[in-house]
């Protein structure tokens, strides 16, 4: 088992390393060339800024049983198809049971956004980080 991270906009990189390091779980962070990261533990991969290039590179490395941290429902869907365990940085564990409704909601919301301007996501809290960490540990313990 490894933890692969769609890391460009991931706000829980520190929490991932904090959970993985004492358990000796490899962490692979995937970035585009506009981001730099060094935490002394995880292995980093950088790819061109091309449309979805990081996503496809990450998915090409995923193996069954890996944990994939992503906020991208498409990446989560591909990870599920490879029998990986995807988790959103807010702690939501993607499953075969919830991914279709998430994709449908995303499509509906995209239609509505054309008619209004969204305020953007709410500010991240420590409670969000705690929920993510708890659910990440839960995924690790499944294996």
Foldseek 3Di string as FASTA:
>chain_A
DAEEEQAAPQPQPVLVCVVCVVVVHAYEYEEEPVDDDDDPGHHYDYHHPPDCPSLVVRLVPAAAAYEYEDPDLVSLVSNVVRNYWYAYLQQDTDDPVCSVVVVVVVVVVVVVCVVDPDPDDDDDDVVSNVNNSVNVVVSVVVD
